[in-house]
């Protein structure tokens, strides 16, 4: 029974990662409901999921949503990325 739940959970996590939401997929590994919700939401427009499965209308919706998200959270994401991976030089 538990193996069945784990397979379903990791399926949601894999779907989340294919949708280009890598930080969310990492959180979803440990928090089950996050995996379910993230698997249902729109993919990032540059993800493999969006490129292969979305119609032009849905891809445009995903682009608009990503732009709004990045405008709001992009600077915090950049700070987090720099803290974890180091500030780029060059």
Protein backbone atom coordinates (compact mmCIF):
# COMPACT_ATOMS: atom_id res chain seq x y z
CA UNK A 1 0.00 0.00 0.00
CA UNK A 2 2.74 2.46 0.93
CA UNK A 3 4.68 1.59 -2.21
CA UNK A 4 1.65 2.52 -4.30
CA UNK A 5 1.43 5.93 -2.59
CA UNK A 6 5.15 6.52 -3.09
CA UNK A 7 4.91 5.73 -6.80
CA UNK A 8 2.00 8.17 -7.16
CA UNK A 9 3.85 10.83 -5.15
CA UNK A 10 7.04 10.51 -7.20
CA UNK A 11 4.93 10.66 -10.35
CA UNK A 12 3.61 14.04 -9.22
CA UNK A 13 7.15 15.18 -8.37
CA UNK A 14 8.42 14.08 -11.80
CA UNK A 15 5.54 15.91 -13.50
CA UNK A 16 6.39 19.04 -11.52
CA UNK A 17 10.02 18.81 -12.63
CA UNK A 18 9.01 18.26 -16.28
CA UNK A 19 6.93 21.41 -16.01
CA UNK A 20 10.11 23.36 -15.23
CA UNK A 21 9.35 24.06 -11.59
CA UNK A 22 12.56 22.72 -10.08
CA UNK A 23 12.51 24.47 -6.69
CA UNK A 24 8.89 23.41 -6.23
CA UNK A 25 9.77 19.83 -7.19
CA UNK A 26 12.49 19.83 -4.53
CA UNK A 27 10.02 20.99 -1.88
CA UNK A 28 7.43 18.53 -3.19
CA UNK A 29 9.77 15.63 -2.47
CA UNK A 30 9.15 16.24 1.23
CA UNK A 31 5.66 17.80 1.26
CA UNK A 32 3.08 15.65 -0.52
CA UNK A 33 0.29 18.19 -1.09
CA UNK A 34 2.75 20.55 -2.80
CA UNK A 35 3.50 17.83 -5.37
CA UNK A 36 -0.18 17.36 -6.16
CA UNK A 37 -0.95 21.07 -6.56
CA UNK A 38 2.21 21.80 -8.56
CA UNK A 39 1.49 18.94 -10.96
CA UNK A 40 -1.92 20.44 -11.72
CA UNK A 41 -0.78 24.01 -12.34
CA UNK A 42 0.50 25.51 -15.60
CA UNK A 43 4.03 24.70 -16.70
CA UNK A 44 6.80 27.21 -17.25
CA UNK A 45 6.70 28.24 -20.94
CA UNK A 46 10.26 27.00 -21.61
CA UNK A 47 9.75 23.57 -20.05
CA UNK A 48 9.63 20.32 -22.02
CA UNK A 49 6.04 19.82 -20.87
CA UNK A 50 4.88 23.14 -22.31
CA UNK A 51 6.77 22.76 -25.59
CA UNK A 52 5.30 19.34 -26.33
CA UNK A 53 1.82 19.49 -24.84
CA UNK A 54 0.50 23.05 -25.00
CA UNK A 55 -1.49 24.67 -27.76
CA UNK A 56 -0.40 28.18 -28.80
CA UNK A 57 -3.17 29.70 -26.65
CA UNK A 58 -2.18 27.79 -23.55
CA UNK A 59 1.51 28.52 -24.18
CA UNK A 60 0.69 32.23 -24.30
CA UNK A 61 -1.18 31.92 -20.99
CA UNK A 62 1.87 30.22 -19.50
CA UNK A 63 4.14 33.01 -20.79
CA UNK A 64 1.94 35.71 -19.25
CA UNK A 65 1.81 33.86 -15.95
CA UNK A 66 5.59 33.37 -15.93
CA UNK A 67 6.18 37.06 -16.65
CA UNK A 68 3.95 38.10 -13.74
CA UNK A 69 5.63 35.58 -11.44
CA UNK A 70 9.15 36.61 -12.46
CA UNK A 71 8.34 40.31 -12.10
CA UNK A 72 7.22 39.68 -8.54
CA UNK A 73 9.66 37.02 -7.36
CA UNK A 74 12.60 37.18 -9.81
CA UNK A 75 14.89 39.29 -7.66
CA UNK A 76 14.38 37.03 -4.63
CA UNK A 77 15.04 33.99 -6.80
CA UNK A 78 18.25 35.58 -8.11
CA UNK A 79 19.41 36.27 -4.55
CA UNK A 80 18.64 32.69 -3.54
CA UNK A 81 20.48 31.31 -6.57
CA UNK A 82 23.49 33.51 -5.80
CA UNK A 83 23.48 32.42 -2.15
CA UNK A 84 23.35 28.74 -3.05
CA UNK A 85 25.55 28.66 -6.14
CA UNK A 86 27.66 31.77 -5.75
CA UNK A 87 27.44 35.10 -7.53
CA UNK A 88 28.38 34.85 -11.20
CA UNK A 89 31.59 36.57 -12.25
CA UNK A 90 32.81 37.56 -15.60
